């Protein structure tokens, strides 16, 4: 069982708000760009009370190997540059949509058809968005 002090420490760490200028945020964007991710969009969820994180980052990959390459590169770059491990990840079995959760930022690496079908940008349309080239 975790001690109360460790739970309090985790809560305080998780409550730190990110910005688009944060090292974690910029490292994720650069890692996606390095593996040629397309249509990179960040959604700023900080003013949405129901949101589970500060940002969603969504990008498109053209194939299953590219989905994996982008996700692996994000994980490696964040670990190397920011010293953070991914809190949760899923979707590696089918590689249509890989989700990576870093608590304050959640990354969605999606193949084009999957991205069009789920249309996360429309679902979170009340969040300010920014495209990243």
N, C-alpha and C. Protein backbone atom coordinates (compact mmCIF):
# COMPACT_ATOMS: atom_id res chain seq x y z
N UNK A 1 0.83 -1.18 0.00
CA UNK A 1 0.00 0.00 0.00
C UNK A 1 0.88 1.25 0.00
N UNK A 2 0.55 2.22 -0.86
CA UNK A 2 1.35 3.44 -0.94
C UNK A 2 1.13 4.31 0.28
N UNK A 3 2.18 5.02 0.65
CA UNK A 3 2.05 5.93 1.78
C UNK A 3 1.29 7.17 1.35
N UNK A 4 0.72 7.87 2.32
CA UNK A 4 -0.03 9.08 2.05
C UNK A 4 0.85 10.14 1.41
N UNK A 5 2.11 10.21 1.83
CA UNK A 5 3.03 11.20 1.27
C UNK A 5 3.25 10.97 -0.22
N UNK A 6 3.38 9.71 -0.64
CA UNK A 6 3.61 9.45 -2.06
C UNK A 6 2.37 9.79 -2.89
N UNK A 7 1.18 9.56 -2.33
CA UNK A 7 -0.05 9.91 -3.05
C UNK A 7 -0.17 11.42 -3.19
N UNK A 8 0.17 12.16 -2.15
CA UNK A 8 0.11 13.62 -2.20
C UNK A 8 1.11 14.14 -3.22
N UNK A 9 2.30 13.58 -3.22
CA UNK A 9 3.33 14.00 -4.17
C UNK A 9 2.87 13.77 -5.60
N UNK A 10 2.28 12.61 -5.88
CA UNK A 10 1.79 12.31 -7.23
C UNK A 10 0.71 13.31 -7.64
N UNK A 11 -0.20 13.62 -6.72
CA UNK A 11 -1.28 14.56 -7.02
C UNK A 11 -0.70 15.92 -7.37
N UNK A 12 0.28 16.39 -6.61
CA UNK A 12 0.88 17.69 -6.90
C UNK A 12 1.60 17.70 -8.24
N UNK A 13 2.28 16.62 -8.57
CA UNK A 13 2.97 16.53 -9.85
C UNK A 13 1.97 16.53 -10.99
N UNK A 14 0.87 15.81 -10.84
CA UNK A 14 -0.13 15.71 -11.88
C UNK A 14 -0.88 17.02 -12.08
N UNK A 15 -0.89 17.90 -11.06
CA UNK A 15 -1.65 19.13 -11.17
C UNK A 15 -0.87 20.24 -11.87
N UNK A 16 0.40 20.01 -12.20
CA UNK A 16 1.19 21.00 -12.91
C UNK A 16 0.62 21.17 -14.31
N UNK A 17 0.33 22.40 -14.69
CA UNK A 17 -0.25 22.67 -16.00
C UNK A 17 0.84 22.84 -17.05
N UNK A 18 0.62 22.22 -18.19
CA UNK A 18 1.53 22.35 -19.33
C UNK A 18 1.14 23.56 -20.17
N UNK A 19 2.07 23.99 -20.99
CA UNK A 19 1.79 24.96 -22.04
C UNK A 19 2.37 24.40 -23.33
N UNK A 20 2.07 25.06 -24.44
CA UNK A 20 2.65 24.61 -25.71
C UNK A 20 4.16 24.85 -25.76
N UNK A 21 4.68 25.64 -24.84
CA UNK A 21 6.12 25.90 -24.78
C UNK A 21 6.85 24.95 -23.83
N UNK A 22 6.11 24.08 -23.16
CA UNK A 22 6.71 23.13 -22.23
C UNK A 22 7.63 22.17 -22.96
N UNK A 23 8.67 21.73 -22.25
CA UNK A 23 9.64 20.80 -22.83
C UNK A 23 8.97 19.51 -23.27
N UNK A 24 8.07 18.97 -22.45
CA UNK A 24 7.37 17.73 -22.80
C UNK A 24 6.58 17.91 -24.09
N UNK A 25 5.83 18.98 -24.18
CA UNK A 25 5.00 19.24 -25.35
C UNK A 25 5.86 19.37 -26.61
N UNK A 26 6.89 20.19 -26.55
CA UNK A 26 7.73 20.40 -27.73
C UNK A 26 8.50 19.14 -28.12
N UNK A 27 8.88 18.33 -27.14
CA UNK A 27 9.57 17.07 -27.44
C UNK A 27 8.65 16.12 -28.18
N UNK A 28 7.39 16.05 -27.78
CA UNK A 28 6.43 15.17 -28.45
C UNK A 28 6.21 15.62 -29.89
N UNK A 29 6.01 16.91 -30.10
CA UNK A 29 5.80 17.43 -31.46
C UNK A 29 7.01 17.12 -32.33
N UNK A 30 8.21 17.36 -31.81
CA UNK A 30 9.44 17.10 -32.58
C UNK A 30 9.59 15.61 -32.91
N UNK A 31 9.23 14.75 -31.98
CA UNK A 31 9.33 13.30 -32.21
C UNK A 31 8.38 12.85 -33.30
N UNK A 32 7.19 13.42 -33.33
CA UNK A 32 6.22 13.10 -34.39
C UNK A 32 6.75 13.58 -35.74
N UNK A 33 7.24 14.81 -35.77
CA UNK A 33 7.75 15.39 -37.02
C UNK A 33 8.95 14.60 -37.54
N UNK A 34 9.79 14.12 -36.64
CA UNK A 34 10.98 13.36 -37.02
C UNK A 34 10.62 12.09 -37.79
N UNK A 35 9.48 11.50 -37.47
CA UNK A 35 9.03 10.28 -38.15
C UNK A 35 7.95 10.57 -39.19
N UNK A 36 7.88 11.82 -39.61
CA UNK A 36 7.03 12.25 -40.72
C UNK A 36 5.53 12.08 -40.45
N UNK A 37 5.13 12.26 -39.19
CA UNK A 37 3.70 12.28 -38.88
C UNK A 37 3.05 13.46 -39.60
N UNK A 38 1.82 13.31 -40.01
CA UNK A 38 1.13 14.34 -40.78
C UNK A 38 -0.06 14.89 -40.01
N UNK A 39 -0.54 16.04 -40.44
CA UNK A 39 -1.73 16.67 -39.86
C UNK A 39 -1.65 16.70 -38.34
N UNK A 40 -0.55 17.23 -37.82
CA UNK A 40 -0.34 17.28 -36.38
C UNK A 40 -1.16 18.45 -35.82
N UNK A 41 -2.05 18.12 -34.89
CA UNK A 41 -2.92 19.13 -34.28
C UNK A 41 -2.87 18.95 -32.77
N UNK A 42 -2.74 20.07 -32.06
CA UNK A 42 -2.86 20.02 -30.60
C UNK A 42 -4.15 20.70 -30.20
N UNK A 43 -4.84 20.09 -29.25
CA UNK A 43 -6.08 20.63 -28.71
C UNK A 43 -5.82 21.04 -27.27
N UNK A 44 -6.07 22.30 -26.96
CA UNK A 44 -5.85 22.84 -25.63
C UNK A 44 -7.10 22.62 -24.79
N UNK A 45 -7.03 21.68 -23.88
CA UNK A 45 -8.18 21.27 -23.07
C UNK A 45 -8.18 21.90 -21.67
N UNK A 46 -7.27 22.82 -21.41
CA UNK A 46 -7.09 23.33 -20.05
C UNK A 46 -8.32 24.05 -19.50
N UNK A 47 -9.15 24.60 -20.34
CA UNK A 47 -10.34 25.32 -19.86
C UNK A 47 -11.61 24.48 -19.93
N UNK A 48 -11.46 23.19 -20.20
CA UNK A 48 -12.61 22.29 -20.26
C UNK A 48 -12.61 21.43 -19.00
N UNK A 49 -13.56 21.66 -18.11
CA UNK A 49 -13.55 20.95 -16.81
C UNK A 49 -13.59 19.43 -16.92
N UNK A 50 -14.25 18.90 -17.93
CA UNK A 50 -14.39 17.44 -18.08
C UNK A 50 -13.16 16.77 -18.67
N UNK A 51 -12.22 17.55 -19.15
CA UNK A 51 -11.05 17.00 -19.84
C UNK A 51 -10.15 16.23 -18.87
N UNK A 52 -9.57 15.16 -19.37
CA UNK A 52 -8.70 14.30 -18.56
C UNK A 52 -7.24 14.73 -18.61
N UNK A 53 -6.91 15.68 -19.48
CA UNK A 53 -5.54 16.15 -19.59
C UNK A 53 -5.55 17.61 -20.03
N UNK A 54 -4.37 18.22 -20.07
CA UNK A 54 -4.25 19.60 -20.53
C UNK A 54 -4.31 19.70 -22.05
N UNK A 55 -3.72 18.71 -22.73
CA UNK A 55 -3.66 18.72 -24.18
C UNK A 55 -3.90 17.33 -24.75
N UNK A 56 -4.51 17.31 -25.92
CA UNK A 56 -4.50 16.16 -26.80
C UNK A 56 -3.61 16.56 -27.97
N UNK A 57 -2.77 15.65 -28.42
CA UNK A 57 -2.02 15.84 -29.66
C UNK A 57 -2.45 14.70 -30.57
N UNK A 58 -2.89 15.06 -31.77
CA UNK A 58 -3.39 14.08 -32.73
C UNK A 58 -2.53 14.18 -33.99
N UNK A 59 -2.15 13.04 -34.54
CA UNK A 59 -1.43 13.05 -35.82
C UNK A 59 -1.84 11.84 -36.64
N UNK A 60 -1.56 11.94 -37.93
CA UNK A 60 -1.88 10.87 -38.87
C UNK A 60 -0.61 10.18 -39.33
N UNK A 61 -0.69 8.85 -39.45
CA UNK A 61 0.38 8.04 -40.02
C UNK A 61 -0.21 7.30 -41.21
N UNK A 62 0.62 7.00 -42.20
CA UNK A 62 0.15 6.39 -43.45
C UNK A 62 0.11 4.87 -43.44
N UNK A 63 0.68 4.24 -42.41
CA UNK A 63 0.74 2.78 -42.38
C UNK A 63 0.94 2.31 -40.95
N UNK A 64 0.74 1.02 -40.75
CA UNK A 64 0.97 0.45 -39.42
C UNK A 64 2.43 0.60 -38.97
N UNK A 65 3.41 0.34 -39.86
CA UNK A 65 4.80 0.55 -39.42
C UNK A 65 5.08 2.00 -39.02
N UNK A 66 4.46 2.95 -39.71
CA UNK A 66 4.68 4.35 -39.36
C UNK A 66 4.00 4.70 -38.03
N UNK A 67 2.83 4.14 -37.76
CA UNK A 67 2.18 4.36 -36.46
C UNK A 67 3.13 3.91 -35.35
N UNK A 68 3.68 2.72 -35.51
CA UNK A 68 4.60 2.18 -34.50
C UNK A 68 5.87 3.01 -34.39
N UNK A 69 6.41 3.42 -35.52
CA UNK A 69 7.65 4.22 -35.51
C UNK A 69 7.43 5.55 -34.79
N UNK A 70 6.31 6.20 -35.05
CA UNK A 70 6.02 7.48 -34.39
C UNK A 70 5.86 7.26 -32.88
N UNK A 71 5.05 6.28 -32.50
CA UNK A 71 4.81 6.02 -31.08
C UNK A 71 6.11 5.65 -30.35
N UNK A 72 6.90 4.79 -30.95
CA UNK A 72 8.18 4.40 -30.35
C UNK A 72 9.11 5.60 -30.21
N UNK A 73 9.12 6.46 -31.23
CA UNK A 73 10.00 7.63 -31.20
C UNK A 73 9.55 8.61 -30.12
N UNK A 74 8.25 8.79 -29.96
CA UNK A 74 7.75 9.66 -28.89
C UNK A 74 8.23 9.13 -27.54
N UNK A 75 8.01 7.84 -27.31
CA UNK A 75 8.39 7.25 -26.03
C UNK A 75 9.89 7.40 -25.76
N UNK A 76 10.72 7.12 -26.77
CA UNK A 76 12.17 7.22 -26.61
C UNK A 76 12.63 8.66 -26.38
N UNK A 77 12.11 9.59 -27.17
CA UNK A 77 12.52 11.00 -27.06
C UNK A 77 12.09 11.61 -25.73
N UNK A 78 10.88 11.31 -25.30
CA UNK A 78 10.40 11.85 -24.02
C UNK A 78 11.23 11.29 -22.87
N UNK A 79 11.52 10.01 -22.92
CA UNK A 79 12.35 9.40 -21.86
C UNK A 79 13.74 10.04 -21.84
N UNK A 80 14.33 10.20 -23.02
CA UNK A 80 15.69 10.73 -23.12
C UNK A 80 15.75 12.21 -22.77
N UNK A 81 14.83 13.01 -23.29
CA UNK A 81 14.90 14.47 -23.14
C UNK A 81 14.20 15.01 -21.90
N UNK A 82 13.18 14.29 -21.42
CA UNK A 82 12.38 14.79 -20.29
C UNK A 82 12.45 13.90 -19.06
N UNK A 83 12.98 12.70 -19.23
CA UNK A 83 13.09 11.78 -18.11
C UNK A 83 11.75 11.22 -17.64
N UNK A 84 10.74 11.24 -18.52
CA UNK A 84 9.41 10.75 -18.14
C UNK A 84 9.08 9.47 -18.90
N UNK A 85 8.40 8.58 -18.20
CA UNK A 85 7.89 7.36 -18.82
C UNK A 85 6.42 7.56 -19.16
N UNK A 86 5.98 6.88 -20.19
CA UNK A 86 4.57 6.93 -20.55
C UNK A 86 3.77 6.27 -19.43
N UNK A 87 2.69 6.93 -18.98
CA UNK A 87 1.86 6.41 -17.91
C UNK A 87 1.03 5.22 -18.38
N UNK A 88 0.48 5.33 -19.58
CA UNK A 88 -0.34 4.26 -20.15
C UNK A 88 -0.27 4.36 -21.67
N UNK A 89 -0.26 3.20 -22.33
CA UNK A 89 -0.30 3.19 -23.79
C UNK A 89 -1.12 2.00 -24.24
N UNK A 90 -1.78 2.16 -25.37
CA UNK A 90 -2.57 1.06 -25.91
C UNK A 90 -2.70 1.21 -27.42
N UNK A 91 -3.10 0.14 -28.07
CA UNK A 91 -3.31 0.14 -29.51
C UNK A 91 -2.17 -0.48 -30.30
N UNK A 92 -1.18 -1.03 -29.63
CA UNK A 92 -0.03 -1.58 -30.34
C UNK A 92 -0.32 -2.92 -31.00
N UNK A 93 -1.45 -3.54 -30.67
CA UNK A 93 -1.77 -4.83 -31.27
C UNK A 93 -2.17 -4.66 -32.74
N UNK A 94 -3.01 -3.66 -33.04
CA UNK A 94 -3.51 -3.50 -34.40
C UNK A 94 -2.91 -2.30 -35.13
N UNK A 95 -2.36 -1.35 -34.39
CA UNK A 95 -1.66 -0.19 -34.96
C UNK A 95 -2.54 0.65 -35.90
N UNK A 96 -3.82 0.74 -35.57
CA UNK A 96 -4.71 1.66 -36.28
C UNK A 96 -4.78 2.99 -35.53
N UNK A 97 -4.73 2.89 -34.20
CA UNK A 97 -4.82 4.05 -33.31
C UNK A 97 -4.04 3.71 -32.05
N UNK A 98 -2.92 4.38 -31.88
CA UNK A 98 -2.12 4.20 -30.67
C UNK A 98 -2.35 5.42 -29.78
N UNK A 99 -2.70 5.15 -28.54
CA UNK A 99 -2.90 6.20 -27.55
C UNK A 99 -1.76 6.12 -26.54
N UNK A 100 -1.18 7.28 -26.23
CA UNK A 100 -0.11 7.36 -25.25
C UNK A 100 -0.48 8.44 -24.24
N UNK A 101 -0.49 8.08 -22.98
CA UNK A 101 -0.93 8.98 -21.92
C UNK A 101 0.26 9.38 -21.06
N UNK A 102 0.58 10.67 -21.06
CA UNK A 102 1.60 11.23 -20.19
C UNK A 102 0.97 12.10 -19.11
N UNK A 103 -0.23 11.76 -18.69
CA UNK A 103 -1.02 12.45 -17.66
C UNK A 103 -1.52 13.81 -18.14
N UNK A 104 -0.64 14.77 -18.34
CA UNK A 104 -1.09 16.10 -18.76
C UNK A 104 -1.21 16.26 -20.27
N UNK A 105 -0.71 15.30 -21.01
CA UNK A 105 -0.85 15.31 -22.46
C UNK A 105 -1.11 13.88 -22.93
N UNK A 106 -2.10 13.74 -23.80
CA UNK A 106 -2.45 12.44 -24.37
C UNK A 106 -2.24 12.53 -25.87
N UNK A 107 -1.49 11.58 -26.42
CA UNK A 107 -1.16 11.58 -27.84
C UNK A 107 -1.97 10.49 -28.53
N UNK A 108 -2.51 10.85 -29.70
CA UNK A 108 -3.28 9.92 -30.53
C UNK A 108 -2.57 9.83 -31.88
N UNK A 109 -1.97 8.70 -32.17
CA UNK A 109 -1.33 8.45 -33.46
C UNK A 109 -2.29 7.54 -34.22
N UNK A 110 -2.85 8.05 -35.32
CA UNK A 110 -3.94 7.34 -35.99
C UNK A 110 -3.68 7.21 -37.48
N UNK A 111 -4.12 6.08 -38.05
CA UNK A 111 -4.14 5.98 -39.50
C UNK A 111 -5.28 6.87 -40.02
N UNK A 112 -5.19 7.28 -41.25
CA UNK A 112 -6.10 8.27 -41.82
C UNK A 112 -7.57 7.87 -41.69
N UNK A 113 -7.92 6.63 -42.05
CA UNK A 113 -9.32 6.20 -42.01
C UNK A 113 -9.87 6.24 -40.58
N UNK A 114 -9.05 5.82 -39.63
CA UNK A 114 -9.46 5.82 -38.22
C UNK A 114 -9.65 7.25 -37.73
N UNK A 115 -8.75 8.12 -38.12
CA UNK A 115 -8.86 9.53 -37.69
C UNK A 115 -10.13 10.17 -38.24
N UNK A 116 -10.42 9.90 -39.51
CA UNK A 116 -11.64 10.46 -40.11
C UNK A 116 -12.89 9.90 -39.42
N UNK A 117 -12.88 8.63 -39.08
CA UNK A 117 -14.05 8.00 -38.48
C UNK A 117 -14.34 8.57 -37.08
N UNK A 118 -13.31 8.67 -36.24
CA UNK A 118 -13.51 9.12 -34.86
C UNK A 118 -13.55 10.65 -34.73
N UNK A 119 -12.89 11.35 -35.62
CA UNK A 119 -12.95 12.81 -35.70
C UNK A 119 -12.84 13.49 -34.32
N UNK A 120 -11.74 13.24 -33.65
CA UNK A 120 -11.53 13.78 -32.31
C UNK A 120 -11.58 15.31 -32.28
N UNK A 121 -11.09 15.94 -33.33
CA UNK A 121 -11.10 17.40 -33.36
C UNK A 121 -12.53 17.94 -33.30
N UNK A 122 -13.45 17.26 -33.93
CA UNK A 122 -14.85 17.69 -33.89
C UNK A 122 -15.46 17.40 -32.52
N UNK A 123 -15.12 16.25 -31.96
CA UNK A 123 -15.64 15.88 -30.64
C UNK A 123 -15.22 16.90 -29.57
N UNK A 124 -14.00 17.42 -29.70
CA UNK A 124 -13.48 18.40 -28.76
C UNK A 124 -13.42 19.79 -29.42
N UNK A 125 -14.42 20.12 -30.20
CA UNK A 125 -14.40 21.36 -30.99
C UNK A 125 -14.41 22.62 -30.13
N UNK A 126 -14.79 22.53 -28.86
CA UNK A 126 -14.77 23.70 -28.00
C UNK A 126 -13.36 23.99 -27.46
N UNK A 127 -12.41 23.13 -27.78
CA UNK A 127 -11.02 23.33 -27.38
C UNK A 127 -10.27 24.08 -28.48
N UNK A 128 -9.52 25.12 -28.12
CA UNK A 128 -8.69 25.79 -29.13
C UNK A 128 -7.69 24.80 -29.73
N UNK A 129 -7.53 24.84 -31.05
CA UNK A 129 -6.61 23.91 -31.69
C UNK A 129 -5.52 24.67 -32.41
N UNK A 130 -4.41 23.99 -32.61
CA UNK A 130 -3.28 24.56 -33.34
C UNK A 130 -2.66 23.48 -34.20
N UNK A 131 -2.39 23.82 -35.45
CA UNK A 131 -1.70 22.89 -36.34
C UNK A 131 -0.20 23.06 -36.20
N UNK A 132 0.52 21.97 -36.33
CA UNK A 132 1.98 21.98 -36.22
C UNK A 132 2.54 21.36 -37.49
N UNK A 133 3.35 22.11 -38.21
CA UNK A 133 3.91 21.61 -39.47
C UNK A 133 5.21 20.87 -39.24
